[in-house]
Amino acid sequence: MAAVDGLIRRHMDSPVPVIPALAEHLISGSAKRLRPLLTVAAARLAGARDDACLKLAAAVEFIHTATLLHDDVVDSSQLRRGRVAAHLIWGAPSSVLVGDFLFARAFELMVGANSMPALEILARASRVIAEGEVLQLTRSHDLDLTEALYIDIIRAKTAELFAAAAEAGAVSAGAPPERRRALRKYGQDLGLAFQLVDDALDYSGESDELGKNPGDDFREGKATLPLLLAIARTGPAEREFWLRTVDRREQADGDFERVRELMRQTGALQDTLDRAQAYAESAKAALAEFPAIGWRPALEDLADFAVARKA
């Protein structure tokens, strides 16, 4: 991972000063580097002994970081990774364009890895992520969004990059198709678990742990799973409250605390975490294709971390 970080920092360089400054602001934050870690670990689990996966891992982090820059502009986010969001410092146009620069760097790294299958996997993932983000944007205030459609949204916008990161690592190791499929399944279910925990933490976490303000999803009117479950379980008596705060986003002091209490009363938060745990268990089960030694226990631990974390 130190080698991956080195690649990331070298490819952030540009003669245009705002590009490395803005990219450094985001990349040097409290990033977990889970996605590039997943690429390297999947490659090692699949038998890789060289460092062919490192460029792909750096490319995965650039894709992820680019999407964060774009998302923060779309969502008007105030914090990211414990820091003031980049668009509030450098402006929305610079944030969007530096995101584009990072996408371009990601594709340069993919080409440099000299693996057409890996390039295809990560290029497809970039398209699917964009489709998921647009779908979420068009349905963000939809109080009648189904749980099935919401899972489709997060499968695209979050889990697809986890899946592609793991599959690209397997490809770089020359893994056979059945092991590629197993690692892709692991990554996808890990990503779903990760996003569902994020959904829950936005209502249960604290800003000093999260690195962002709790309640951002609520303030932005995003219909995430805990909100959808709470809406479904509170009935017609609370319908006007949900229409005002989520649909029209006419929010007053105390509304967020009321939502948190309703989620506790209805079990919406716990059920979201239970679903995340189920996906984590499914991710671990996908690793049955591999011997229960070496990197497999580490990836199983990663699935457990995804649901046990507080940020």
Protein backbone atom coordinates (compact mmCIF):
# COMPACT_ATOMS: atom_id res chain seq x y z
CA MET A 1 0.00 0.00 0.00
CA ALA A 2 2.98 2.33 0.49
CA ALA A 3 3.88 1.63 -3.13
CA VAL A 4 0.29 2.36 -4.20
CA ASP A 5 0.38 5.66 -2.29
CA GLY A 6 3.61 6.52 -4.08
CA LEU A 7 1.95 5.93 -7.45
CA ILE A 8 -1.05 8.02 -6.41
CA ARG A 9 1.10 10.98 -5.40
CA ARG A 10 3.28 10.86 -8.52
CA HIS A 11 0.22 10.84 -10.76
CA MET A 12 -1.37 13.78 -8.92
CA ASP A 13 1.42 15.99 -10.23
CA SER A 14 0.58 18.68 -12.78
CA PRO A 15 2.09 22.00 -13.92
CA VAL A 16 -1.30 23.57 -13.13
CA PRO A 17 -0.93 24.38 -9.38
CA VAL A 18 -4.57 24.03 -8.38
CA ILE A 19 -4.68 20.38 -9.52
CA PRO A 20 -2.12 18.88 -7.10
CA ALA A 21 -3.24 21.24 -4.31
CA LEU A 22 -6.90 20.28 -4.57
CA ALA A 23 -6.17 16.58 -5.10
CA GLU A 24 -3.80 16.52 -2.12
CA HIS A 25 -6.46 18.15 0.06
CA LEU A 26 -8.81 15.23 -0.55
CA ILE A 27 -6.45 12.29 -1.00
CA SER A 28 -4.36 13.05 2.08
CA GLY A 29 -7.46 13.13 4.30
CA SER A 30 -8.51 10.25 6.52
CA ALA A 31 -9.06 7.94 3.55
CA LYS A 32 -9.37 4.26 4.36
CA ARG A 33 -7.95 3.21 0.95
CA LEU A 34 -10.28 0.21 1.10
CA ARG A 35 -10.78 -0.08 -2.64
CA PRO A 36 -7.10 -0.12 -3.67
CA LEU A 37 -6.38 -2.37 -0.69
CA LEU A 38 -9.02 -4.72 -2.05
CA THR A 39 -7.33 -4.79 -5.46
CA VAL A 40 -3.97 -5.72 -3.95
CA ALA A 41 -5.42 -8.27 -1.52
CA ALA A 42 -7.52 -9.91 -4.24
CA ALA A 43 -4.45 -10.20 -6.46
CA ARG A 44 -2.44 -11.78 -3.65
CA LEU A 45 -5.27 -14.17 -2.78
CA ALA A 46 -5.45 -15.18 -6.45
CA GLY A 47 -1.76 -16.04 -6.39
CA ALA A 48 0.02 -12.90 -7.62
CA ARG A 49 3.67 -12.68 -6.67
CA ASP A 50 4.57 -9.53 -8.62
CA ASP A 51 3.35 -5.94 -8.41
CA ALA A 52 1.28 -5.82 -11.60
CA CYS A 53 -1.78 -4.96 -9.50
CA LEU A 54 -0.34 -1.72 -8.07
CA LYS A 55 -1.21 0.52 -11.03
CA LEU A 56 -4.73 -0.88 -11.06
CA ALA A 57 -5.05 -0.22 -7.32
CA ALA A 58 -3.96 3.41 -7.80
CA ALA A 59 -6.41 3.75 -10.71
CA VAL A 60 -9.22 2.49 -8.48
CA GLU A 61 -8.43 5.14 -5.86
CA PHE A 62 -8.39 7.88 -8.50
CA ILE A 63 -11.80 6.77 -9.82
CA HIS A 64 -13.17 6.80 -6.28
CA THR A 65 -11.68 10.21 -5.47
CA ALA A 66 -12.98 11.71 -8.70
CA THR A 67 -16.50 10.56 -7.89
CA LEU A 68 -16.22 12.10 -4.39
CA LEU A 69 -15.25 15.47 -5.85
CA HIS A 70 -18.20 15.39 -8.22
CA ASP A 71 -20.61 14.12 -5.54
CA ASP A 72 -19.68 16.88 -3.09
CA VAL A 73 -20.51 19.51 -5.71
CA VAL A 74 -23.82 17.85 -6.59
CA ASP A 75 -24.77 17.42 -2.91
CA SER A 76 -23.35 20.78 -1.69
CA SER A 77 -21.52 18.83 1.03
CA GLN A 78 -19.71 20.80 3.73
CA LEU A 79 -17.19 18.20 4.93
CA ARG A 80 -15.31 15.31 3.37
CA ARG A 81 -12.90 13.03 5.23
CA GLY A 82 -12.84 15.41 8.17
CA ARG A 83 -11.93 18.45 6.08
CA VAL A 84 -13.79 21.31 4.48
CA ALA A 85 -15.11 20.06 1.14
CA ALA A 86 -12.84 21.06 -1.75
CA HIS A 87 -15.54 22.93 -3.64
CA LEU A 88 -15.91 25.35 -0.71
CA ILE A 89 -12.21 26.25 -0.96
CA TRP A 90 -11.48 26.17 -4.69
CA GLY A 91 -15.01 26.48 -6.07
CA ALA A 92 -17.32 24.01 -7.79
CA PRO A 93 -15.84 24.43 -11.31
CA SER A 94 -12.31 23.59 -10.12
CA SER A 95 -13.55 20.60 -8.13
CA VAL A 96 -15.41 19.18 -11.10
CA LEU A 97 -12.48 19.70 -13.47
CA VAL A 98 -9.94 18.20 -11.06
CA GLY A 99 -12.28 15.24 -10.75
CA ASP A 100 -12.09 14.94 -14.53
CA PHE A 101 -8.29 15.12 -14.32
CA LEU A 102 -8.25 12.25 -11.81
CA PHE A 103 -10.46 10.15 -14.08
CA ALA A 104 -7.98 10.77 -16.89
CA ARG A 105 -5.08 9.77 -14.66
CA ALA A 106 -6.94 6.61 -13.71
CA PHE A 107 -7.22 5.60 -17.36
CA GLU A 108 -3.54 6.35 -17.94
CA LEU A 109 -2.69 4.01 -15.08
CA MET A 110 -5.02 1.32 -16.46
CA VAL A 111 -3.33 1.52 -19.86
CA GLY A 112 0.06 1.37 -18.14
CA ALA A 113 -0.97 -1.85 -16.41
CA ASN A 114 -1.09 -3.43 -19.89
CA SER A 115 -4.17 -5.54 -19.20
CA MET A 116 -7.08 -5.14 -21.59
CA PRO A 117 -9.45 -7.23 -19.40
CA ALA A 118 -8.69 -5.05 -16.36
CA LEU A 119 -9.16 -1.90 -18.46
CA GLU A 120 -12.54 -3.21 -19.60
CA ILE A 121 -13.59 -4.01 -16.01
CA LEU A 122 -12.69 -0.58 -14.64
CA ALA A 123 -14.03 1.32 -17.66
CA ARG A 124 -17.37 -0.48 -17.28
CA ALA A 125 -17.36 0.29 -13.57
CA SER A 126 -16.88 4.02 -14.30
CA ARG A 127 -19.94 3.97 -16.55
CA VAL A 128 -22.06 2.01 -14.06
CA ILE A 129 -21.11 4.35 -11.20
CA ALA A 130 -22.18 7.39 -13.24
CA GLU A 131 -25.48 5.71 -14.10
CA GLY A 132 -26.08 4.93 -10.42
CA GLU A 133 -25.35 8.50 -9.36
CA VAL A 134 -27.73 9.92 -11.98
CA LEU A 135 -30.45 7.42 -11.00
CA GLN A 136 -30.07 8.38 -7.34
CA LEU A 137 -30.23 12.07 -8.24
CA THR A 138 -33.47 11.60 -10.18
CA ARG A 139 -35.07 9.61 -7.34
CA SER A 140 -33.45 11.32 -4.36
CA HIS A 141 -36.65 12.78 -2.84
CA ASP A 142 -38.91 9.87 -3.76
CA LEU A 143 -40.68 8.78 -0.59
CA ASP A 144 -42.13 5.78 -2.43
CA LEU A 145 -38.78 4.44 -3.63
CA THR A 146 -38.76 0.67 -3.19
CA GLU A 147 -36.08 -1.12 -1.22
CA ALA A 148 -35.27 -3.20 -4.31
CA LEU A 149 -34.64 -0.11 -6.44
CA TYR A 150 -32.55 1.46 -3.70
CA ILE A 151 -30.36 -1.64 -3.57
CA ASP A 152 -30.00 -1.38 -7.36
CA ILE A 153 -28.86 2.24 -6.93
CA ILE A 154 -26.19 1.49 -4.34
CA ARG A 155 -25.11 -1.63 -6.22
CA ALA A 156 -24.28 0.70 -9.11
CA LYS A 157 -22.92 3.78 -7.37
CA THR A 158 -20.95 2.10 -4.57
CA ALA A 159 -20.70 -1.69 -4.85
CA GLU A 160 -19.67 -1.71 -8.52
CA LEU A 161 -16.27 -0.15 -7.76
CA PHE A 162 -15.66 -2.63 -4.92
CA ALA A 163 -16.56 -5.47 -7.30
CA ALA A 164 -14.37 -4.09 -10.09
CA ALA A 165 -11.46 -3.48 -7.71
CA ALA A 166 -11.51 -7.12 -6.58
CA GLU A 167 -12.04 -8.52 -10.07
CA ALA A 168 -9.26 -6.37 -11.54
CA GLY A 169 -6.90 -7.70 -8.87
CA ALA A 170 -7.85 -11.25 -9.81
CA VAL A 171 -7.28 -10.51 -13.50
CA SER A 172 -3.84 -9.06 -12.80
CA ALA A 173 -2.94 -12.36 -11.11
CA GLY A 174 -4.12 -14.42 -14.10
CA ALA A 175 -6.93 -16.03 -12.07
CA PRO A 176 -9.29 -18.46 -13.86
CA PRO A 177 -12.90 -17.36 -14.53
CA GLU A 178 -14.41 -19.06 -11.47
CA ARG A 179 -12.01 -17.24 -9.13
CA ARG A 180 -12.60 -13.95 -10.91
CA ARG A 181 -16.34 -14.41 -10.38
CA ALA A 182 -15.83 -15.32 -6.72
CA LEU A 183 -13.78 -12.21 -6.02
CA ARG A 184 -16.18 -9.99 -7.94
CA LYS A 185 -19.05 -11.38 -5.83
CA TYR A 186 -17.03 -10.77 -2.68
CA GLY A 187 -16.34 -7.17 -3.70
CA GLN A 188 -19.92 -6.45 -4.67
CA ASP A 189 -21.41 -7.75 -1.41
CA LEU A 190 -18.69 -6.00 0.59
CA GLY A 191 -19.61 -2.75 -1.16
CA LEU A 192 -23.31 -3.19 -0.42
CA ALA A 193 -22.55 -3.84 3.25
CA PHE A 194 -20.26 -0.81 3.35
CA GLN A 195 -22.88 1.53 1.85
CA LEU A 196 -25.68 0.31 4.11
CA VAL A 197 -23.51 0.97 7.16
CA ASP A 198 -22.80 4.45 5.76
CA ASP A 199 -26.56 4.95 5.43
CA ALA A 200 -27.07 4.02 9.07
CA LEU A 201 -24.11 6.04 10.36
CA ASP A 202 -25.49 9.19 8.77
CA TYR A 203 -28.29 8.98 11.35
CA SER A 204 -26.45 7.41 14.28
CA GLY A 205 -22.86 8.68 14.03
CA GLU A 206 -21.09 11.79 15.32
CA SER A 207 -19.20 14.31 13.17
CA ASP A 208 -15.84 13.85 14.92
CA GLU A 209 -15.94 10.14 14.07
CA LEU A 210 -17.56 10.34 10.64
CA GLY A 211 -15.35 13.06 9.18
CA LYS A 212 -18.53 14.69 7.86
CA ASN A 213 -21.70 16.10 9.34
CA PRO A 214 -24.27 13.52 10.45
CA GLY A 215 -27.65 14.11 8.89
CA ASP A 216 -26.29 15.18 5.50
CA ASP A 217 -28.46 12.60 3.73
CA PHE A 218 -31.54 13.88 5.55
CA ARG A 219 -30.77 17.54 4.84
CA GLU A 220 -30.20 16.73 1.15
CA GLY A 221 -33.47 14.79 0.98
CA LYS A 222 -31.75 11.52 0.03
CA ALA A 223 -34.04 8.53 0.35
CA THR A 224 -31.61 6.00 1.85
CA LEU A 225 -32.64 2.66 3.32
CA PRO A 226 -33.08 3.66 7.00
CA LEU A 227 -35.25 6.57 5.90
CA LEU A 228 -37.32 4.40 3.57
CA LEU A 229 -37.86 1.82 6.31
CA ALA A 230 -38.86 4.49 8.82
CA ILE A 231 -41.32 6.07 6.36
CA ALA A 232 -42.89 2.68 5.62
CA ARG A 233 -43.31 1.91 9.32
CA THR A 234 -44.67 5.20 10.66
CA GLY A 235 -47.88 5.23 8.63
CA PRO A 236 -50.17 8.09 7.56
CA ALA A 237 -49.84 10.01 10.83
CA GLU A 238 -46.28 11.01 9.95
CA ARG A 239 -46.83 11.45 6.20
CA GLU A 240 -46.95 15.25 6.30
CA PHE A 241 -43.74 15.33 8.35
CA TRP A 242 -41.94 13.25 5.73
CA LEU A 243 -43.35 15.30 2.85
CA ARG A 244 -42.25 18.54 4.47
CA THR A 245 -38.76 17.48 5.54
CA VAL A 246 -37.73 15.11 2.74
CA ASP A 247 -39.84 15.92 -0.31
CA ARG A 248 -40.01 19.71 0.10
CA ARG A 249 -36.92 19.93 2.34
CA GLU A 250 -38.58 22.49 4.60
CA GLN A 251 -36.65 21.56 7.71
CA ALA A 252 -36.67 23.17 11.11
CA ASP A 253 -34.60 22.83 14.27
CA GLY A 254 -35.32 19.52 15.94
CA ASP A 255 -36.44 17.71 12.78
CA PHE A 256 -33.26 15.66 12.52
CA GLU A 257 -33.51 14.55 16.15
CA ARG A 258 -37.14 13.60 15.56
CA VAL A 259 -36.12 11.48 12.57
CA ARG A 260 -33.44 9.73 14.62
CA GLU A 261 -35.98 8.94 17.31
CA LEU A 262 -38.47 7.59 14.77
CA MET A 263 -35.74 5.38 13.33
CA ARG A 264 -34.94 3.99 16.74
CA GLN A 265 -38.62 3.39 17.53
CA THR A 266 -39.32 1.62 14.23
CA GLY A 267 -36.09 -0.42 14.23
CA ALA A 268 -35.11 1.11 10.87
CA LEU A 269 -31.48 1.65 11.84
CA GLN A 270 -31.02 -1.83 13.28
CA ASP A 271 -32.67 -3.46 10.28
CA THR A 272 -30.35 -1.53 7.95
CA LEU A 273 -27.36 -2.82 9.93
CA ASP A 274 -28.80 -6.34 9.87
CA ARG A 275 -29.02 -6.20 6.09
CA ALA A 276 -25.43 -4.95 5.97
CA GLN A 277 -24.35 -7.89 8.14
CA ALA A 278 -26.11 -10.31 5.78
CA TYR A 279 -24.22 -8.89 2.80
CA ALA A 280 -20.94 -9.13 4.75
CA GLU A 281 -21.63 -12.80 5.46
CA SER A 282 -22.44 -13.35 1.77
CA ALA A 283 -19.15 -11.70 0.84
CA LYS A 284 -17.22 -14.04 3.12
CA ALA A 285 -19.09 -17.05 1.74
CA ALA A 286 -17.96 -16.09 -1.78
CA LEU A 287 -14.36 -16.77 -0.70
CA ALA A 288 -15.05 -20.50 -0.27
CA GLU A 289 -13.34 -20.93 -3.65
CA PHE A 290 -10.01 -20.24 -1.91
CA PRO A 291 -8.06 -22.08 0.83
CA ALA A 292 -8.78 -20.77 4.34
CA ILE A 293 -5.20 -19.55 4.82
CA GLY A 294 -3.11 -16.51 3.96
CA TRP A 295 -5.10 -13.69 2.42
CA ARG A 296 -8.56 -15.23 2.77
CA PRO A 297 -8.80 -14.59 6.55
CA ALA A 298 -7.64 -11.02 5.93
CA LEU A 299 -10.45 -10.45 3.44
CA GLU A 300 -12.94 -12.05 5.83
CA ASP A 301 -11.73 -9.62 8.50
CA LEU A 302 -12.24 -6.77 6.04
CA ALA A 303 -15.89 -7.78 5.63
CA ASP A 304 -16.30 -7.79 9.41
CA PHE A 305 -14.66 -4.35 9.64
CA ALA A 306 -17.06 -2.95 7.03
CA VAL A 307 -20.03 -3.56 9.34
CA ALA A 308 -18.35 -2.94 12.72
CA ARG A 309 -16.83 0.46 11.91
CA LYS A 310 -18.01 3.74 13.41
CA ALA A 311 -16.93 5.97 10.50
